[in-house]
Structure formats: C-alpha cells, structure tokens
Amino acid sequence: IEDGASGRLTIEAGRSNFSLAPLPKED
C-alpha cells in the first residue's frame, strides 16, 4: 500500500508489517 499522505510504502503479510520510504517515480 502506498499512502500519498504519509509518503510511505507499507508491506503487510499476516502479522508482519513494514514501512519503507519511496523515491518519486518521476525520477
């Protein structure tokens, strides 16, 4: 899930949850 408001990419699988910082796709 990419949340435009938080500027983060969240990865969920079962009870695991990760949050990564993306870079602009335009670059």
PDB file of all heavy atoms in Angstrom:
ATOM      1  N   ILE A   1       0.859  -1.199   0.000  1.00  0.00           N
ATOM      2  CA  ILE A   1       0.000   0.000   0.000  1.00  0.00           C
ATOM      3  C   ILE A   1       0.885   1.236   0.000  1.00  0.00           C
ATOM      4  O   ILE A   1       1.754   1.396   0.866  1.00  0.00           O
ATOM      5  CB  ILE A   1      -0.912   0.038   1.258  1.00  0.00           C
ATOM      6  CG1 ILE A   1      -1.690  -1.279   1.412  1.00  0.00           C
ATOM      7  CG2 ILE A   1      -1.867   1.226   1.201  1.00  0.00           C
ATOM      8  CD1 ILE A   1      -2.130  -1.583   2.819  1.00  0.00           C
ATOM      9  N   GLU A   2       0.668   2.096  -0.986  1.00  0.00           N
ATOM     10  CA  GLU A   2       1.365   3.375  -0.963  1.00  0.00           C
ATOM     11  C   GLU A   2       0.364   4.431  -0.522  1.00  0.00           C
ATOM     12  O   GLU A   2      -0.691   4.626  -1.131  1.00  0.00           O
ATOM     13  CB  GLU A   2       1.918   3.746  -2.341  1.00  0.00           C
ATOM     14  CG  GLU A   2       2.886   4.916  -2.237  1.00  0.00           C
ATOM     15  CD  GLU A   2       2.870   5.831  -3.469  1.00  0.00           C
ATOM     16  OE1 GLU A   2       1.980   5.695  -4.318  1.00  0.00           O
ATOM     17  OE2 GLU A   2       3.748   6.687  -3.538  1.00  0.00           O
ATOM     18  N   ASP A   3       0.710   5.103   0.562  1.00  0.00           N
ATOM     19  CA  ASP A   3      -0.162   6.130   1.126  1.00  0.00           C
ATOM     20  C   ASP A   3       0.422   7.498   0.789  1.00  0.00           C
ATOM     21  O   ASP A   3       1.476   7.876   1.291  1.00  0.00           O
ATOM     22  CB  ASP A   3      -0.249   5.932   2.655  1.00  0.00           C
ATOM     23  CG  ASP A   3      -1.195   6.923   3.302  1.00  0.00           C
ATOM     24  OD1 ASP A   3      -1.788   7.733   2.564  1.00  0.00           O
ATOM     25  OD2 ASP A   3      -1.341   6.887   4.532  1.00  0.00           O
ATOM     26  N   GLY A   4      -0.257   8.213  -0.088  1.00  0.00           N
ATOM     27  CA  GLY A   4       0.230   9.528  -0.510  1.00  0.00           C
ATOM     28  C   GLY A   4       0.396  10.488   0.642  1.00  0.00           C
ATOM     29  O   GLY A   4       1.310  11.313   0.659  1.00  0.00           O
ATOM     30  N   ALA A   5      -0.475  10.387   1.644  1.00  0.00           N
ATOM     31  CA  ALA A   5      -0.444  11.333   2.768  1.00  0.00           C
ATOM     32  C   ALA A   5       0.820  11.144   3.617  1.00  0.00           C
ATOM     33  O   ALA A   5       1.491  12.111   3.980  1.00  0.00           O
ATOM     34  CB  ALA A   5      -1.686  11.137   3.631  1.00  0.00           C
ATOM     35  N   SER A   6       1.142   9.887   3.930  1.00  0.00           N
ATOM     36  CA  SER A   6       2.310   9.635   4.791  1.00  0.00           C
ATOM     37  C   SER A   6       3.607   9.564   3.987  1.00  0.00           C
ATOM     38  O   SER A   6       4.696   9.641   4.555  1.00  0.00           O
ATOM     39  CB  SER A   6       2.125   8.318   5.554  1.00  0.00           C
ATOM     40  OG  SER A   6       2.183   7.219   4.659  1.00  0.00           O
ATOM     41  N   GLY A   7       3.465   9.384   2.664  1.00  0.00           N
ATOM     42  CA  GLY A   7       4.653   9.267   1.831  1.00  0.00           C
ATOM     43  C   GLY A   7       5.422   7.992   2.085  1.00  0.00           C
ATOM     44  O   GLY A   7       6.641   7.950   1.925  1.00  0.00           O
ATOM     45  N   ARG A   8       4.740   6.946   2.489  1.00  0.00           N
ATOM     46  CA  ARG A   8       5.397   5.669   2.809  1.00  0.00           C
ATOM     47  C   ARG A   8       4.786   4.531   1.996  1.00  0.00           C
ATOM     48  O   ARG A   8       3.621   4.587   1.602  1.00  0.00           O
ATOM     49  CB  ARG A   8       5.222   5.344   4.294  1.00  0.00           C
ATOM     50  CG  ARG A   8       5.984   6.293   5.213  1.00  0.00           C
ATOM     51  CD  ARG A   8       7.378   5.784   5.441  1.00  0.00           C
ATOM     52  NE  ARG A   8       8.271   6.799   5.975  1.00  0.00           N
ATOM     53  CZ  ARG A   8       9.512   6.550   6.354  1.00  0.00           C
ATOM     54  NH1 ARG A   8       9.993   5.328   6.250  1.00  0.00           N
ATOM     55  NH2 ARG A   8      10.294   7.500   6.820  1.00  0.00           N
ATOM     56  N   LEU A   9       5.587   3.476   1.796  1.00  0.00           N
ATOM     57  CA  LEU A   9       5.079   2.246   1.201  1.00  0.00           C
ATOM     58  C   LEU A   9       4.995   1.203   2.311  1.00  0.00           C
ATOM     59  O   LEU A   9       6.002   0.880   2.946  1.00  0.00           O
ATOM     60  CB  LEU A   9       6.001   1.747   0.087  1.00  0.00           C
ATOM     61  CG  LEU A   9       5.562   0.416  -0.555  1.00  0.00           C
ATOM     62  CD1 LEU A   9       4.334   0.614  -1.424  1.00  0.00           C
ATOM     63  CD2 LEU A   9       6.691  -0.208  -1.375  1.00  0.00           C
ATOM     64  N   THR A  10       3.792   0.719   2.556  1.00  0.00           N
ATOM     65  CA  THR A  10       3.586  -0.274   3.614  1.00  0.00           C
ATOM     66  C   THR A  10       3.487  -1.665   2.994  1.00  0.00           C
ATOM     67  O   THR A  10       2.817  -1.853   1.975  1.00  0.00           O
ATOM     68  CB  THR A  10       2.293   0.038   4.387  1.00  0.00           C
ATOM     69  OG1 THR A  10       2.358   1.382   4.860  1.00  0.00           O
ATOM     70  CG2 THR A  10       2.121  -0.897   5.572  1.00  0.00           C
ATOM     71  N   ILE A  11       4.171  -2.621   3.630  1.00  0.00           N
ATOM     72  CA  ILE A  11       4.134  -4.016   3.177  1.00  0.00           C
ATOM     73  C   ILE A  11       3.557  -4.838   4.317  1.00  0.00           C
ATOM     74  O   ILE A  11       4.105  -4.859   5.423  1.00  0.00           O
ATOM     75  CB  ILE A  11       5.544  -4.511   2.815  1.00  0.00           C
ATOM     76  CG1 ILE A  11       6.155  -3.614   1.728  1.00  0.00           C
ATOM     77  CG2 ILE A  11       5.514  -5.957   2.349  1.00  0.00           C
ATOM     78  CD1 ILE A  11       7.654  -3.626   1.706  1.00  0.00           C
ATOM     79  N   GLU A  12       2.432  -5.508   4.044  1.00  0.00           N
ATOM     80  CA  GLU A  12       1.757  -6.300   5.087  1.00  0.00           C
ATOM     81  C   GLU A  12       1.679  -7.757   4.644  1.00  0.00           C
ATOM     82  O   GLU A  12       1.371  -8.054   3.491  1.00  0.00           O
ATOM     83  CB  GLU A  12       0.338  -5.774   5.322  1.00  0.00           C
ATOM     84  CG  GLU A  12       0.302  -4.343   5.857  1.00  0.00           C
ATOM     85  CD  GLU A  12      -1.131  -3.800   5.943  1.00  0.00           C
ATOM     86  OE1 GLU A  12      -2.050  -4.500   5.454  1.00  0.00           O
ATOM     87  OE2 GLU A  12      -1.317  -2.697   6.474  1.00  0.00           O
ATOM     88  N   ALA A  13       1.979  -8.657   5.582  1.00  0.00           N
ATOM     89  CA  ALA A  13       1.840 -10.090   5.334  1.00  0.00           C
ATOM     90  C   ALA A  13       1.570 -10.765   6.665  1.00  0.00           C
ATOM     91  O   ALA A  13       2.452 -10.796   7.531  1.00  0.00           O
ATOM     92  CB  ALA A  13       3.101 -10.648   4.691  1.00  0.00           C
ATOM     93  N   GLY A  14       0.350 -11.253   6.851  1.00  0.00           N
ATOM     94  CA  GLY A  14      -0.003 -11.852   8.142  1.00  0.00           C
ATOM     95  C   GLY A  14       0.172 -10.836   9.252  1.00  0.00           C
ATOM     96  O   GLY A  14      -0.366  -9.738   9.202  1.00  0.00           O
ATOM     97  N   ARG A  15       0.998 -11.173  10.253  1.00  0.00           N
ATOM     98  CA  ARG A  15       1.233 -10.255  11.372  1.00  0.00           C
ATOM     99  C   ARG A  15       2.449  -9.348  11.145  1.00  0.00           C
ATOM    100  O   ARG A  15       2.793  -8.556  12.033  1.00  0.00           O
ATOM    101  CB  ARG A  15       1.433 -11.068  12.653  1.00  0.00           C
ATOM    102  CG  ARG A  15       0.198 -11.865  13.035  1.00  0.00           C
ATOM    103  CD  ARG A  15       0.408 -12.622  14.325  1.00  0.00           C
ATOM    104  NE  ARG A  15      -0.754 -13.385  14.698  1.00  0.00           N
ATOM    105  CZ  ARG A  15      -0.850 -14.121  15.799  1.00  0.00           C
ATOM    106  NH1 ARG A  15       0.183 -14.172  16.634  1.00  0.00           N
ATOM    107  NH2 ARG A  15      -1.935 -14.792  16.080  1.00  0.00           N
ATOM    108  N   SER A  16       3.101  -9.509  10.003  1.00  0.00           N
ATOM    109  CA  SER A  16       4.277  -8.676   9.710  1.00  0.00           C
ATOM    110  C   SER A  16       3.854  -7.378   9.029  1.00  0.00           C
ATOM    111  O   SER A  16       2.934  -7.368   8.203  1.00  0.00           O
ATOM    112  CB  SER A  16       5.252  -9.426   8.793  1.00  0.00           C
ATOM    113  OG  SER A  16       5.649 -10.640   9.381  1.00  0.00           O
ATOM    114  N   ASN A  17       4.539  -6.318   9.397  1.00  0.00           N
ATOM    115  CA  ASN A  17       4.222  -5.011   8.815  1.00  0.00           C
ATOM    116  C   ASN A  17       5.521  -4.212   8.654  1.00  0.00           C
ATOM    117  O   ASN A  17       6.281  -4.057   9.601  1.00  0.00           O
ATOM    118  CB  ASN A  17       3.232  -4.282   9.743  1.00  0.00           C
ATOM    119  CG  ASN A  17       2.703  -3.018   9.118  1.00  0.00           C
ATOM    120  OD1 ASN A  17       3.482  -2.109   8.797  1.00  0.00           O
ATOM    121  ND2 ASN A  17       1.395  -2.933   8.959  1.00  0.00           N
ATOM    122  N   PHE A  18       5.765  -3.752   7.440  1.00  0.00           N
ATOM    123  CA  PHE A  18       6.977  -2.970   7.158  1.00  0.00           C
ATOM    124  C   PHE A  18       6.578  -1.650   6.504  1.00  0.00           C
ATOM    125  O   PHE A  18       5.581  -1.584   5.785  1.00  0.00           O
ATOM    126  CB  PHE A  18       7.905  -3.725   6.195  1.00  0.00           C
ATOM    127  CG  PHE A  18       8.317  -5.087   6.675  1.00  0.00           C
ATOM    128  CD1 PHE A  18       7.521  -6.197   6.413  1.00  0.00           C
ATOM    129  CD2 PHE A  18       9.491  -5.263   7.390  1.00  0.00           C
ATOM    130  CE1 PHE A  18       7.886  -7.462   6.858  1.00  0.00           C
ATOM    131  CE2 PHE A  18       9.869  -6.519   7.833  1.00  0.00           C
ATOM    132  CZ  PHE A  18       9.067  -7.625   7.574  1.00  0.00           C
ATOM    133  N   SER A  19       7.394  -0.643   6.749  1.00  0.00           N
ATOM    134  CA  SER A  19       7.142   0.660   6.145  1.00  0.00           C
ATOM    135  C   SER A  19       8.446   1.181   5.537  1.00  0.00           C
ATOM    136  O   SER A  19       9.460   1.296   6.231  1.00  0.00           O
ATOM    137  CB  SER A  19       6.635   1.637   7.222  1.00  0.00           C
ATOM    138  OG  SER A  19       6.463   2.924   6.676  1.00  0.00           O
ATOM    139  N   LEU A  20       8.419   1.441   4.242  1.00  0.00           N
ATOM    140  CA  LEU A  20       9.627   1.877   3.532  1.00  0.00           C
ATOM    141  C   LEU A  20       9.431   3.274   2.947  1.00  0.00           C
ATOM    142  O   LEU A  20       8.309   3.661   2.614  1.00  0.00           O
ATOM    143  CB  LEU A  20       9.968   0.903   2.392  1.00  0.00           C
ATOM    144  CG  LEU A  20      10.252  -0.555   2.786  1.00  0.00           C
ATOM    145  CD1 LEU A  20      10.562  -1.378   1.546  1.00  0.00           C
ATOM    146  CD2 LEU A  20      11.405  -0.642   3.777  1.00  0.00           C
ATOM    147  N   ALA A  21      10.541   3.982   2.802  1.00  0.00           N
ATOM    148  CA  ALA A  21      10.494   5.335   2.231  1.00  0.00           C
ATOM    149  C   ALA A  21      10.739   5.260   0.728  1.00  0.00           C
ATOM    150  O   ALA A  21      11.822   4.866   0.297  1.00  0.00           O
ATOM    151  CB  ALA A  21      11.558   6.221   2.889  1.00  0.00           C
ATOM    152  N   PRO A  22       9.742   5.623  -0.088  1.00  0.00           N
ATOM    153  CA  PRO A  22       9.936   5.573  -1.539  1.00  0.00           C
ATOM    154  C   PRO A  22      10.626   6.837  -2.066  1.00  0.00           C
ATOM    155  O   PRO A  22      10.774   7.826  -1.336  1.00  0.00           O
ATOM    156  CB  PRO A  22       8.512   5.473  -2.081  1.00  0.00           C
ATOM    157  CG  PRO A  22       7.638   6.063  -1.019  1.00  0.00           C
ATOM    158  CD  PRO A  22       8.380   6.008   0.281  1.00  0.00           C
ATOM    159  N   LEU A  23      11.044   6.785  -3.326  1.00  0.00           N
ATOM    160  CA  LEU A  23      11.525   7.970  -4.039  1.00  0.00           C
ATOM    161  C   LEU A  23      10.546   8.261  -5.175  1.00  0.00           C
ATOM    162  O   LEU A  23       9.838   7.356  -5.636  1.00  0.00           O
ATOM    163  CB  LEU A  23      12.929   7.716  -4.613  1.00  0.00           C
ATOM    164  CG  LEU A  23      14.084   7.684  -3.611  1.00  0.00           C
ATOM    165  CD1 LEU A  23      15.378   7.232  -4.292  1.00  0.00           C
ATOM    166  CD2 LEU A  23      14.287   9.037  -2.953  1.00  0.00           C
ATOM    167  N   PRO A  24      10.478   9.518  -5.649  1.00  0.00           N
ATOM    168  CA  PRO A  24       9.472   9.870  -6.672  1.00  0.00           C
ATOM    169  C   PRO A  24       9.638   9.047  -7.942  1.00  0.00           C
ATOM    170  O   PRO A  24      10.751   8.893  -8.457  1.00  0.00           O
ATOM    171  CB  PRO A  24       9.765  11.356  -6.953  1.00  0.00           C
ATOM    172  CG  PRO A  24      10.578  11.834  -5.802  1.00  0.00           C
ATOM    173  CD  PRO A  24      11.312  10.664  -5.260  1.00  0.00           C
ATOM    174  N   LYS A  25       8.508   8.524  -8.430  1.00  0.00           N
ATOM    175  CA  LYS A  25       8.559   7.690  -9.637  1.00  0.00           C
ATOM    176  C   LYS A  25       8.995   8.496 -10.859  1.00  0.00           C
ATOM    177  O   LYS A  25       9.544   7.957 -11.822  1.00  0.00           O
ATOM    178  CB  LYS A  25       7.196   7.041  -9.891  1.00  0.00           C
ATOM    179  CG  LYS A  25       6.040   8.009 -10.095  1.00  0.00           C
ATOM    180  CD  LYS A  25       4.740   7.267 -10.292  1.00  0.00           C
ATOM    181  CE  LYS A  25       3.572   8.202 -10.573  1.00  0.00           C
ATOM    182  NZ  LYS A  25       3.199   8.994  -9.386  1.00  0.00           N
ATOM    183  N   GLU A  26       8.765   9.818 -10.815  1.00  0.00           N
ATOM    184  CA  GLU A  26       9.145  10.674 -11.952  1.00  0.00           C
ATOM    185  C   GLU A  26      10.655  10.710 -12.172  1.00  0.00           C
ATOM    186  O   GLU A  26      11.136  11.000 -13.269  1.00  0.00           O
ATOM    187  CB  GLU A  26       8.650  12.111 -11.739  1.00  0.00           C
ATOM    188  CG  GLU A  26       7.140  12.273 -11.740  1.00  0.00           C
ATOM    189  CD  GLU A  26       6.497  11.826 -10.426  1.00  0.00           C
ATOM    190  OE1 GLU A  26       7.215  11.740  -9.394  1.00  0.00           O
ATOM    191  OE2 GLU A  26       5.278  11.555 -10.437  1.00  0.00           O
ATOM    192  N   ASP A  27      11.428  10.397 -11.100  1.00  0.00           N
ATOM    193  CA  ASP A  27      12.898  10.438 -11.207  1.00  0.00           C
ATOM    194  C   ASP A  27      13.481   9.160 -11.820  1.00  0.00           C
ATOM    195  O   ASP A  27      14.673   9.101 -12.115  1.00  0.00           O
ATOM    196  CB  ASP A  27      13.535  10.639  -9.821  1.00  0.00           C
ATOM    197  CG  ASP A  27      13.202  12.003  -9.241  1.00  0.00           C
ATOM    198  OD1 ASP A  27      12.656  12.840  -9.990  1.00  0.00           O
ATOM    199  OD2 ASP A  27      13.476  12.227  -8.040  1.00  0.00           O
TER     200      ASP A  27
END
